[in-house]
Amino acid sequence: MEVLFPLVGFLAVLAVVLLVRKSHESRTRAALGALAVQHGLHVTDDTGFLGFDVRAYGTLDGLEITAQPVRRRSGRRRHWFTRVSARFGRPVRARVDVRPRGLASYFASFAAAEVPFGGDFSLNSVVLSDDTALARAWLTDDVRAAFASFPKDAILRLEKNEVALEWRGHGTEDGLLSRALDVVVVAGKAARDAN
């Protein structure tokens, strides 16, 4: 009897964790499905008992689009991020990161040089790259405005032949994935033109 109560408690906690996880997965699946319907994309769902692999993909304006939840490791913890990306033709010669100004951007600036843009954009965001000319050619007024209007603290990255917007958490809020897709399409077209 003494062993039964901890066992029942453990099983109850496990059941709650699994129910929360399934609820989270179904909300993410629904959000990606709505994005796919709205923009004419496809959805793959390879979800098993232990794994969760769902993504929306397709082509918009000549860019290969992918939207998916990803897990990132931070120390001993893992966190869910939402990643919306666009692939284009030829790879660029350097990496460019655009991120909100803060403590994380301060430490990231040790890895690459900051590219100043001035105005409100530089007050709120930091651009890091070793190739100043590429960063200036890619970050047109439209790309900067699209990134600044995105409601989450996200990182916009141009690397190789891909532009990706990534933020912590699931993109299940109404319209958030569509807004992220708008940012990525604008940034992807600008990257294709700058290259």
N, C-alpha and C. Protein backbone atom coordinates (compact mmCIF):
# COMPACT_ATOMS: atom_id res chain seq x y z
N MET A 1 0.82 -1.20 0.00
CA MET A 1 0.00 0.00 0.00
C MET A 1 0.86 1.26 0.00
N GLU A 2 2.02 1.19 0.69
CA GLU A 2 2.90 2.35 0.75
C GLU A 2 3.50 2.65 -0.62
N VAL A 3 3.69 1.64 -1.44
CA VAL A 3 4.26 1.81 -2.76
C VAL A 3 3.18 2.26 -3.76
N LEU A 4 1.92 1.92 -3.48
CA LEU A 4 0.84 2.21 -4.40
C LEU A 4 0.58 3.71 -4.56
N PHE A 5 0.61 4.48 -3.48
CA PHE A 5 0.33 5.91 -3.56
C PHE A 5 1.37 6.67 -4.39
N PRO A 6 2.67 6.45 -4.19
CA PRO A 6 3.64 7.14 -5.08
C PRO A 6 3.51 6.70 -6.53
N LEU A 7 3.20 5.43 -6.76
CA LEU A 7 3.04 4.94 -8.12
C LEU A 7 1.83 5.59 -8.79
N VAL A 8 0.73 5.70 -8.08
CA VAL A 8 -0.46 6.35 -8.63
C VAL A 8 -0.19 7.84 -8.88
N GLY A 9 0.53 8.47 -7.96
CA GLY A 9 0.88 9.89 -8.14
C GLY A 9 1.77 10.09 -9.36
N PHE A 10 2.75 9.21 -9.53
CA PHE A 10 3.63 9.29 -10.69
C PHE A 10 2.84 9.10 -11.98
N LEU A 11 1.96 8.12 -12.01
CA LEU A 11 1.16 7.87 -13.22
C LEU A 11 0.23 9.04 -13.52
N ALA A 12 -0.32 9.68 -12.48
CA ALA A 12 -1.19 10.84 -12.68
C ALA A 12 -0.41 12.02 -13.28
N VAL A 13 0.79 12.25 -12.75
CA VAL A 13 1.63 13.33 -13.29
C VAL A 13 2.02 13.03 -14.73
N LEU A 14 2.37 11.80 -15.01
CA LEU A 14 2.73 11.40 -16.37
C LEU A 14 1.55 11.60 -17.33
N ALA A 15 0.35 11.25 -16.89
CA ALA A 15 -0.84 11.43 -17.73
C ALA A 15 -1.10 12.91 -18.01
N VAL A 16 -0.92 13.78 -17.02
CA VAL A 16 -1.11 15.22 -17.22
C VAL A 16 -0.07 15.75 -18.19
N VAL A 17 1.18 15.34 -18.06
CA VAL A 17 2.24 15.79 -18.96
C VAL A 17 1.92 15.37 -20.40
N LEU A 18 1.49 14.13 -20.59
CA LEU A 18 1.16 13.66 -21.93
C LEU A 18 -0.04 14.40 -22.51
N LEU A 19 -1.04 14.70 -21.69
CA LEU A 19 -2.20 15.46 -22.17
C LEU A 19 -1.82 16.87 -22.58
N VAL A 20 -0.97 17.53 -21.80
CA VAL A 20 -0.51 18.88 -22.14
C VAL A 20 0.29 18.84 -23.43
N ARG A 21 1.14 17.85 -23.57
CA ARG A 21 1.95 17.72 -24.78
C ARG A 21 1.08 17.51 -26.00
N LYS A 22 0.11 16.62 -25.90
CA LYS A 22 -0.79 16.36 -27.04
C LYS A 22 -1.61 17.59 -27.39
N SER A 23 -2.02 18.35 -26.39
CA SER A 23 -2.75 19.59 -26.63
C SER A 23 -1.88 20.60 -27.37
N HIS A 24 -0.63 20.71 -26.94
CA HIS A 24 0.32 21.61 -27.59
C HIS A 24 0.56 21.19 -29.03
N GLU A 25 0.72 19.90 -29.26
CA GLU A 25 0.95 19.39 -30.60
C GLU A 25 -0.25 19.65 -31.50
N SER A 26 -1.44 19.46 -30.98
CA SER A 26 -2.63 19.67 -31.81
C SER A 26 -2.82 21.14 -32.15
N ARG A 27 -2.50 22.06 -31.22
CA ARG A 27 -2.59 23.50 -31.53
C ARG A 27 -1.55 23.89 -32.58
N THR A 28 -0.35 23.34 -32.49
CA THR A 28 0.68 23.62 -33.47
C THR A 28 0.28 23.06 -34.83
N ARG A 29 -0.24 21.85 -34.84
CA ARG A 29 -0.68 21.22 -36.08
C ARG A 29 -1.79 22.06 -36.73
N ALA A 30 -2.73 22.56 -35.92
CA ALA A 30 -3.82 23.38 -36.44
C ALA A 30 -3.30 24.71 -36.99
N ALA A 31 -2.35 25.34 -36.30
CA ALA A 31 -1.80 26.62 -36.76
C ALA A 31 -1.05 26.45 -38.07
N LEU A 32 -0.25 25.38 -38.19
CA LEU A 32 0.47 25.13 -39.44
C LEU A 32 -0.49 24.74 -40.57
N GLY A 33 -1.55 24.03 -40.23
CA GLY A 33 -2.57 23.70 -41.24
C GLY A 33 -3.28 24.93 -41.75
N ALA A 34 -3.60 25.86 -40.84
CA ALA A 34 -4.25 27.11 -41.26
C ALA A 34 -3.32 27.93 -42.14
N LEU A 35 -2.03 27.97 -41.79
CA LEU A 35 -1.05 28.68 -42.61
C LEU A 35 -0.98 28.06 -44.00
N ALA A 36 -0.97 26.74 -44.06
CA ALA A 36 -0.89 26.04 -45.34
C ALA A 36 -2.10 26.33 -46.21
N VAL A 37 -3.28 26.32 -45.62
CA VAL A 37 -4.50 26.60 -46.38
C VAL A 37 -4.51 28.03 -46.88
N GLN A 38 -4.11 28.96 -46.02
CA GLN A 38 -4.14 30.38 -46.35
C GLN A 38 -3.16 30.74 -47.47
N HIS A 39 -2.00 30.07 -47.52
CA HIS A 39 -0.97 30.45 -48.48
C HIS A 39 -0.69 29.38 -49.53
N GLY A 40 -1.50 28.34 -49.58
CA GLY A 40 -1.33 27.31 -50.60
C GLY A 40 -0.11 26.43 -50.39
N LEU A 41 0.22 26.15 -49.15
CA LEU A 41 1.35 25.29 -48.83
C LEU A 41 0.87 23.87 -48.53
N HIS A 42 1.81 22.96 -48.31
CA HIS A 42 1.51 21.58 -47.96
C HIS A 42 1.92 21.34 -46.51
N VAL A 43 1.35 20.32 -45.88
CA VAL A 43 1.69 19.98 -44.50
C VAL A 43 2.10 18.52 -44.44
N THR A 44 3.22 18.24 -43.76
CA THR A 44 3.60 16.86 -43.46
C THR A 44 3.48 16.67 -41.96
N ASP A 45 3.06 15.50 -41.58
CA ASP A 45 2.88 15.19 -40.16
C ASP A 45 3.40 13.79 -39.90
N ASP A 46 4.62 13.71 -39.41
CA ASP A 46 5.24 12.43 -39.08
C ASP A 46 5.34 12.28 -37.57
N THR A 47 4.21 12.43 -36.89
CA THR A 47 4.20 12.40 -35.45
C THR A 47 4.03 10.96 -34.97
N GLY A 48 4.92 10.55 -34.08
CA GLY A 48 4.81 9.24 -33.46
C GLY A 48 4.62 9.41 -31.96
N PHE A 49 4.71 8.31 -31.23
CA PHE A 49 4.51 8.38 -29.78
C PHE A 49 5.59 9.21 -29.11
N LEU A 50 6.84 9.05 -29.54
CA LEU A 50 7.94 9.78 -28.91
C LEU A 50 8.36 11.03 -29.68
N GLY A 51 8.00 11.12 -30.95
CA GLY A 51 8.47 12.24 -31.76
C GLY A 51 7.34 13.12 -32.24
N PHE A 52 7.67 14.37 -32.54
CA PHE A 52 6.71 15.33 -33.05
C PHE A 52 7.37 16.05 -34.21
N ASP A 53 6.96 15.73 -35.43
CA ASP A 53 7.57 16.31 -36.62
C ASP A 53 6.46 16.73 -37.57
N VAL A 54 6.07 17.99 -37.49
CA VAL A 54 5.06 18.54 -38.38
C VAL A 54 5.63 19.82 -38.97
N ARG A 55 5.37 20.03 -40.27
CA ARG A 55 5.87 21.24 -40.90
C ARG A 55 4.99 21.59 -42.09
N ALA A 56 4.96 22.88 -42.41
CA ALA A 56 4.30 23.37 -43.61
C ALA A 56 5.40 23.75 -44.59
N TYR A 57 5.21 23.42 -45.85
CA TYR A 57 6.24 23.70 -46.85
C TYR A 57 5.60 23.97 -48.20
N GLY A 58 6.33 24.64 -49.05
CA GLY A 58 5.84 24.92 -50.39
C GLY A 58 6.67 26.02 -51.03
N THR A 59 6.16 26.58 -52.13
CA THR A 59 6.88 27.62 -52.86
C THR A 59 6.01 28.86 -52.95
N LEU A 60 6.59 30.00 -52.59
CA LEU A 60 5.94 31.30 -52.72
C LEU A 60 6.92 32.26 -53.38
N ASP A 61 6.51 32.93 -54.42
CA ASP A 61 7.34 33.93 -55.10
C ASP A 61 8.73 33.41 -55.46
N GLY A 62 8.81 32.15 -55.85
CA GLY A 62 10.09 31.57 -56.23
C GLY A 62 10.98 31.17 -55.06
N LEU A 63 10.47 31.22 -53.83
CA LEU A 63 11.22 30.84 -52.64
C LEU A 63 10.66 29.54 -52.08
N GLU A 64 11.54 28.66 -51.62
CA GLU A 64 11.11 27.41 -50.98
C GLU A 64 10.86 27.71 -49.50
N ILE A 65 9.61 27.65 -49.08
CA ILE A 65 9.20 28.03 -47.73
C ILE A 65 9.05 26.80 -46.85
N THR A 66 9.49 26.91 -45.61
CA THR A 66 9.28 25.88 -44.59
C THR A 66 8.94 26.56 -43.27
N ALA A 67 7.91 26.06 -42.60
CA ALA A 67 7.55 26.54 -41.27
C ALA A 67 7.41 25.32 -40.37
N GLN A 68 8.11 25.34 -39.23
CA GLN A 68 8.08 24.16 -38.36
C GLN A 68 8.50 24.52 -36.94
N PRO A 69 8.04 23.74 -35.96
CA PRO A 69 8.58 23.88 -34.61
C PRO A 69 9.88 23.10 -34.50
N VAL A 70 10.84 23.64 -33.78
CA VAL A 70 12.13 22.96 -33.57
C VAL A 70 12.49 23.04 -32.10
N ARG A 71 13.27 22.08 -31.65
CA ARG A 71 13.76 22.10 -30.26
C ARG A 71 15.22 22.48 -30.27
N ARG A 72 15.55 23.41 -29.41
CA ARG A 72 16.94 23.86 -29.25
C ARG A 72 17.38 23.56 -27.83
N ARG A 73 18.63 23.21 -27.70
CA ARG A 73 19.19 22.89 -26.39
C ARG A 73 19.89 24.13 -25.85
N SER A 74 19.62 24.43 -24.60
CA SER A 74 20.26 25.54 -23.91
C SER A 74 20.74 25.01 -22.57
N GLY A 75 22.02 24.66 -22.50
CA GLY A 75 22.52 24.02 -21.28
C GLY A 75 21.91 22.64 -21.16
N ARG A 76 21.28 22.40 -20.03
CA ARG A 76 20.62 21.11 -19.83
C ARG A 76 19.16 21.14 -20.23
N ARG A 77 18.66 22.27 -20.58
CA ARG A 77 17.24 22.40 -20.92
C ARG A 77 17.03 22.45 -22.43
N ARG A 78 15.86 22.01 -22.83
CA ARG A 78 15.46 22.11 -24.23
C ARG A 78 14.24 23.01 -24.30
N HIS A 79 14.21 23.84 -25.32
CA HIS A 79 13.11 24.77 -25.50
C HIS A 79 12.56 24.64 -26.91
N TRP A 80 11.25 24.89 -27.06
CA TRP A 80 10.61 24.89 -28.36
C TRP A 80 10.79 26.26 -28.99
N PHE A 81 11.13 26.26 -30.26
CA PHE A 81 11.21 27.47 -31.06
C PHE A 81 10.36 27.25 -32.31
N THR A 82 9.91 28.33 -32.89
CA THR A 82 9.23 28.26 -34.18
C THR A 82 10.16 28.84 -35.22
N ARG A 83 10.29 28.15 -36.33
CA ARG A 83 11.23 28.56 -37.38
C ARG A 83 10.50 28.62 -38.71
N VAL A 84 10.56 29.78 -39.35
CA VAL A 84 10.00 29.97 -40.69
C VAL A 84 11.17 30.36 -41.58
N SER A 85 11.37 29.63 -42.67
CA SER A 85 12.54 29.88 -43.50
C SER A 85 12.17 29.90 -44.98
N ALA A 86 13.05 30.55 -45.75
CA ALA A 86 12.91 30.62 -47.20
C ALA A 86 14.27 30.35 -47.83
N ARG A 87 14.30 29.42 -48.77
CA ARG A 87 15.54 29.13 -49.50
C ARG A 87 15.44 29.76 -50.89
N PHE A 88 16.58 30.25 -51.35
CA PHE A 88 16.66 30.86 -52.67
C PHE A 88 17.84 30.27 -53.39
N GLY A 89 18.16 30.76 -54.58
CA GLY A 89 19.18 30.16 -55.45
C GLY A 89 20.58 30.10 -54.92
N ARG A 90 21.39 31.06 -55.26
CA ARG A 90 22.82 31.03 -55.00
C ARG A 90 23.14 31.40 -53.56
N PRO A 91 24.08 30.71 -52.90
CA PRO A 91 24.44 31.05 -51.51
C PRO A 91 25.16 32.39 -51.41
N VAL A 92 24.95 33.06 -50.29
CA VAL A 92 25.65 34.33 -50.03
C VAL A 92 27.01 34.02 -49.42
N ARG A 93 27.87 35.02 -49.37
CA ARG A 93 29.27 34.81 -48.98
C ARG A 93 29.50 34.93 -47.48
N ALA A 94 28.52 35.42 -46.72
CA ALA A 94 28.71 35.61 -45.27
C ALA A 94 27.37 35.43 -44.56
N ARG A 95 27.42 35.44 -43.26
CA ARG A 95 26.22 35.31 -42.43
C ARG A 95 25.85 36.68 -41.87
N VAL A 96 24.55 36.97 -41.83
CA VAL A 96 24.04 38.21 -41.26
C VAL A 96 22.95 37.85 -40.26
N ASP A 97 23.06 38.36 -39.05
CA ASP A 97 22.04 38.17 -38.01
C ASP A 97 21.41 39.50 -37.66
N VAL A 98 20.09 39.50 -37.54
CA VAL A 98 19.36 40.67 -37.05
C VAL A 98 18.60 40.19 -35.83
N ARG A 99 18.82 40.85 -34.70
CA ARG A 99 18.20 40.41 -33.45
C ARG A 99 17.82 41.62 -32.62
N PRO A 100 16.91 41.44 -31.67
CA PRO A 100 16.57 42.55 -30.78
C PRO A 100 17.77 42.95 -29.94
N ARG A 101 17.89 44.22 -29.67
CA ARG A 101 18.99 44.70 -28.84
C ARG A 101 18.74 44.29 -27.40
N GLY A 102 19.76 43.73 -26.76
CA GLY A 102 19.65 43.28 -25.39
C GLY A 102 20.92 42.58 -24.95
N LEU A 103 20.84 41.87 -23.84
CA LEU A 103 22.01 41.20 -23.29
C LEU A 103 22.53 40.11 -24.23
N ALA A 104 21.62 39.34 -24.82
CA ALA A 104 22.05 38.28 -25.74
C ALA A 104 22.74 38.86 -26.97
N SER A 105 22.24 39.99 -27.46
CA SER A 105 22.89 40.60 -28.63
C SER A 105 24.25 41.18 -28.27
N TYR A 106 24.40 41.60 -27.01
CA TYR A 106 25.70 42.10 -26.56
C TYR A 106 26.75 40.99 -26.64
N PHE A 107 26.41 39.80 -26.12
CA PHE A 107 27.36 38.70 -26.16
C PHE A 107 27.56 38.18 -27.59
N ALA A 108 26.51 38.22 -28.40
CA ALA A 108 26.65 37.77 -29.80
C ALA A 108 27.55 38.71 -30.59
N SER A 109 27.66 39.96 -30.16
CA SER A 109 28.48 40.92 -30.91
C SER A 109 29.98 40.61 -30.78
N PHE A 110 30.36 39.72 -29.87
CA PHE A 110 31.77 39.31 -29.80
C PHE A 110 32.14 38.41 -30.97
N ALA A 111 31.15 37.73 -31.56
CA ALA A 111 31.41 36.80 -32.66
C ALA A 111 31.45 37.48 -34.02
N ALA A 112 30.74 38.59 -34.16
CA ALA A 112 30.70 39.30 -35.44
C ALA A 112 30.57 40.79 -35.17
N ALA A 113 30.95 41.58 -36.15
CA ALA A 113 30.92 43.03 -36.00
C ALA A 113 29.49 43.56 -36.17
N GLU A 114 29.18 44.62 -35.44
CA GLU A 114 27.88 45.26 -35.56
C GLU A 114 27.89 46.20 -36.76
N VAL A 115 26.80 46.14 -37.53
CA VAL A 115 26.64 47.01 -38.69
C VAL A 115 25.63 48.08 -38.31
N PRO A 116 26.04 49.34 -38.17
CA PRO A 116 25.10 50.38 -37.75
C PRO A 116 24.20 50.82 -38.91
N PHE A 117 22.93 51.04 -38.60
CA PHE A 117 21.98 51.54 -39.59
C PHE A 117 21.41 52.89 -39.20
N GLY A 118 21.43 53.21 -37.92
CA GLY A 118 20.90 54.50 -37.47
C GLY A 118 19.39 54.48 -37.33
N GLY A 119 18.88 55.54 -36.73
CA GLY A 119 17.43 55.68 -36.57
C GLY A 119 16.86 54.75 -35.52
N ASP A 120 15.54 54.60 -35.55
CA ASP A 120 14.84 53.75 -34.58
C ASP A 120 15.22 52.29 -34.72
N PHE A 121 15.54 51.87 -35.94
CA PHE A 121 15.88 50.47 -36.14
C PHE A 121 17.10 50.08 -35.32
N SER A 122 18.13 50.90 -35.31
CA SER A 122 19.35 50.58 -34.55
C SER A 122 19.16 50.74 -33.05
N LEU A 123 18.15 51.50 -32.64
CA LEU A 123 17.86 51.60 -31.21
C LEU A 123 17.26 50.31 -30.67
N ASN A 124 16.47 49.63 -31.51
CA ASN A 124 15.75 48.44 -31.06
C ASN A 124 16.37 47.14 -31.53
N SER A 125 17.16 47.17 -32.58
CA SER A 125 17.71 45.95 -33.18
C SER A 125 19.20 46.11 -33.42
N VAL A 126 19.88 44.99 -33.49
CA VAL A 126 21.31 44.99 -33.80
C VAL A 126 21.53 44.06 -34.98
N VAL A 127 22.38 44.51 -35.90
CA VAL A 127 22.73 43.74 -37.09
C VAL A 127 24.19 43.31 -36.93
N LEU A 128 24.43 42.00 -37.00
CA LEU A 128 25.77 41.46 -36.82
C LEU A 128 26.21 40.73 -38.09
N SER A 129 27.38 41.12 -38.61
CA SER A 129 27.92 40.45 -39.80
C SER A 129 29.37 40.86 -39.98
N ASP A 130 30.12 39.98 -40.61
CA ASP A 130 31.49 40.31 -40.99
C ASP A 130 31.54 40.96 -42.37
N ASP A 131 30.42 40.94 -43.09
CA ASP A 131 30.35 41.53 -44.42
C ASP A 131 29.35 42.69 -44.39
N THR A 132 29.85 43.89 -44.18
CA THR A 132 29.00 45.07 -44.06
C THR A 132 28.25 45.35 -45.35
N ALA A 133 28.89 45.17 -46.49
CA ALA A 133 28.24 45.45 -47.78
C ALA A 133 27.04 44.53 -48.00
N LEU A 134 27.19 43.25 -47.68
CA LEU A 134 26.07 42.31 -47.82
C LEU A 134 24.93 42.68 -46.89
N ALA A 135 25.26 43.02 -45.64
CA ALA A 135 24.21 43.38 -44.68
C ALA A 135 23.44 44.61 -45.16
N ARG A 136 24.14 45.60 -45.65
CA ARG A 136 23.47 46.82 -46.13
C ARG A 136 22.66 46.56 -47.39
N ALA A 137 23.15 45.71 -48.28
CA ALA A 137 22.40 45.40 -49.50
C ALA A 137 21.16 44.58 -49.19
N TRP A 138 21.24 43.67 -48.22
CA TRP A 138 20.11 42.80 -47.89
C TRP A 138 19.05 43.53 -47.08
N LEU A 139 19.47 44.30 -46.10
CA LEU A 139 18.51 44.93 -45.18
C LEU A 139 17.98 46.23 -45.77
N THR A 140 17.13 46.09 -46.76
CA THR A 140 16.47 47.24 -47.36
C THR A 140 15.47 47.82 -46.36
N ASP A 141 14.90 48.96 -46.72
CA ASP A 141 13.88 49.57 -45.85
C ASP A 141 12.72 48.63 -45.62
N ASP A 142 12.32 47.87 -46.65
CA ASP A 142 11.19 46.92 -46.51
C ASP A 142 11.52 45.80 -45.53
N VAL A 143 12.74 45.26 -45.61
CA VAL A 143 13.13 44.17 -44.71
C VAL A 143 13.20 44.69 -43.27
N ARG A 144 13.79 45.85 -43.08
CA ARG A 144 13.89 46.41 -41.72
C ARG A 144 12.51 46.71 -41.15
N ALA A 145 11.62 47.25 -41.98
CA ALA A 145 10.26 47.55 -41.50
C ALA A 145 9.50 46.26 -41.17
N ALA A 146 9.66 45.23 -41.99
CA ALA A 146 8.98 43.96 -41.72
C ALA A 146 9.49 43.33 -40.44
N PHE A 147 10.81 43.36 -40.22
CA PHE A 147 11.37 42.78 -38.99
C PHE A 147 10.94 43.59 -37.77
N ALA A 148 10.96 44.91 -37.88
CA ALA A 148 10.58 45.76 -36.75
C ALA A 148 9.11 45.60 -36.38
N SER A 149 8.26 45.26 -37.35
CA SER A 149 6.83 45.11 -37.06
C SER A 149 6.47 43.74 -36.51
N PHE A 150 7.40 42.79 -36.53
CA PHE A 150 7.10 41.45 -36.02
C PHE A 150 6.95 41.53 -34.50
N PRO A 151 5.87 40.98 -33.93
CA PRO A 151 5.58 41.20 -32.52
C PRO A 151 6.41 40.40 -31.50
N LYS A 152 7.16 39.43 -31.94
CA LYS A 152 7.96 38.61 -31.01
C LYS A 152 9.42 39.02 -31.08
N ASP A 153 10.18 38.69 -30.02
CA ASP A 153 11.63 38.85 -30.05
C ASP A 153 12.20 37.70 -30.86
N ALA A 154 12.54 37.98 -32.09
CA ALA A 154 12.97 36.94 -33.02
C ALA A 154 14.35 37.26 -33.56
N ILE A 155 14.96 36.25 -34.15
CA ILE A 155 16.24 36.41 -34.83
C ILE A 155 16.00 36.15 -36.31
N LEU A 156 16.39 37.11 -37.13
CA LEU A 156 16.33 36.96 -38.57
C LEU A 156 17.74 36.71 -39.05
N ARG A 157 17.95 35.59 -39.75
CA ARG A 157 19.30 35.19 -40.13
C ARG A 157 19.36 34.92 -41.64
N LEU A 158 20.39 35.46 -42.25
CA LEU A 158 20.72 35.15 -43.64
C LEU A 158 22.02 34.35 -43.61
N GLU A 159 21.95 33.12 -44.11
CA GLU A 159 23.13 32.27 -44.11
C GLU A 159 23.03 31.30 -45.28
N LYS A 160 24.11 31.18 -46.01
CA LYS A 160 24.19 30.33 -47.21
C LYS A 160 23.10 30.75 -48.19
N ASN A 161 22.15 29.88 -48.49
CA ASN A 161 21.07 30.26 -49.40
C ASN A 161 19.72 30.22 -48.69
N GLU A 162 19.71 30.65 -47.43
CA GLU A 162 18.48 30.59 -46.64
C GLU A 162 18.34 31.82 -45.75
N VAL A 163 17.09 32.29 -45.67
CA VAL A 163 16.70 33.32 -44.71
C VAL A 163 15.77 32.64 -43.73
N ALA A 164 16.03 32.80 -42.43
CA ALA A 164 15.19 32.16 -41.42
C ALA A 164 14.83 33.16 -40.32
N LEU A 165 13.59 33.09 -39.88
CA LEU A 165 13.10 33.86 -38.74
C LEU A 165 12.75 32.84 -37.66
N GLU A 166 13.33 33.01 -36.47
CA GLU A 166 13.14 32.04 -35.40
C GLU A 166 12.87 32.77 -34.09
N TRP A 167 11.89 32.26 -33.34
CA TRP A 167 11.58 32.82 -32.04
C TRP A 167 11.20 31.70 -31.08
N ARG A 168 11.34 32.00 -29.79
CA ARG A 168 11.07 30.99 -28.77
C ARG A 168 9.57 30.83 -28.56
N GLY A 169 9.15 29.59 -28.47
CA GLY A 169 7.74 29.27 -28.26
C GLY A 169 7.11 28.74 -29.53
N HIS A 170 5.88 28.29 -29.38
CA HIS A 170 5.12 27.79 -30.53
C HIS A 170 4.40 28.95 -31.19
N GLY A 171 4.34 28.94 -32.48
CA GLY A 171 3.67 30.01 -33.22
C GLY A 171 2.19 29.74 -33.39
N THR A 172 1.48 29.54 -32.29
CA THR A 172 0.07 29.19 -32.37
C THR A 172 -0.87 30.38 -32.21
N GLU A 173 -0.34 31.57 -31.94
CA GLU A 173 -1.20 32.73 -31.82
C GLU A 173 -1.79 33.07 -33.18
N ASP A 174 -2.97 33.66 -33.19
CA ASP A 174 -3.65 33.98 -34.43
C ASP A 174 -2.81 34.92 -35.30
N GLY A 175 -2.57 34.52 -36.51
CA GLY A 175 -1.90 35.35 -37.48
C GLY A 175 -0.39 35.47 -37.32
N LEU A 176 0.19 34.89 -36.27
CA LEU A 176 1.62 35.05 -36.05
C LEU A 176 2.45 34.36 -37.13
N LEU A 177 2.06 33.17 -37.52
CA LEU A 177 2.81 32.47 -38.57
C LEU A 177 2.69 33.19 -39.91
N SER A 178 1.54 33.78 -40.18
CA SER A 178 1.39 34.53 -41.43
C SER A 178 2.27 35.77 -41.43
N ARG A 179 2.36 36.45 -40.29
CA ARG A 179 3.23 37.62 -40.20
C ARG A 179 4.69 37.21 -40.34
N ALA A 180 5.06 36.08 -39.74
CA ALA A 180 6.43 35.58 -39.89
C ALA A 180 6.71 35.23 -41.34
N LEU A 181 5.75 34.63 -42.00
CA LEU A 181 5.91 34.28 -43.41
C LEU A 181 6.09 35.54 -44.26
N ASP A 182 5.35 36.60 -43.95
CA ASP A 182 5.52 37.86 -44.67
C ASP A 182 6.94 38.41 -44.51
N VAL A 183 7.47 38.36 -43.28
CA VAL A 183 8.83 38.84 -43.03
C VAL A 183 9.83 38.02 -43.84
N VAL A 184 9.67 36.71 -43.82
CA VAL A 184 10.63 35.82 -44.49
C VAL A 184 10.56 35.98 -46.01
N VAL A 185 9.37 36.17 -46.56
CA VAL A 185 9.26 36.35 -48.01
C VAL A 185 9.91 37.66 -48.44
N VAL A 186 9.66 38.74 -47.70
CA VAL A 186 10.29 40.02 -48.02
C VAL A 186 11.81 39.90 -47.91
N ALA A 187 12.29 39.29 -46.82
CA ALA A 187 13.73 39.14 -46.61
C ALA A 187 14.34 38.18 -47.64
N GLY A 188 13.63 37.14 -48.01
CA GLY A 188 14.14 36.19 -49.00
C GLY A 188 14.27 36.82 -50.38
N LYS A 189 13.28 37.62 -50.78
CA LYS A 189 13.39 38.31 -52.07
C LYS A 189 14.55 39.30 -52.06
N ALA A 190 14.71 40.02 -50.95
CA ALA A 190 15.81 40.99 -50.86
C ALA A 190 17.16 40.28 -50.89
N ALA A 191 17.26 39.12 -50.24
CA ALA A 191 18.52 38.36 -50.27
C ALA A 191 18.82 37.85 -51.66
N ARG A 192 17.79 37.39 -52.35
CA ARG A 192 17.98 36.90 -53.73
C ARG A 192 18.45 38.05 -54.63
N ASP A 193 17.87 39.24 -54.43
CA ASP A 193 18.25 40.39 -55.25
C ASP A 193 19.63 40.92 -54.88
N ALA A 194 20.00 40.83 -53.60
CA ALA A 194 21.30 41.34 -53.16
C ALA A 194 22.44 40.43 -53.57
N ASN A 195 22.09 39.21 -53.89
CA ASN A 195 23.13 38.23 -54.24
C ASN A 195 23.34 38.26 -55.73
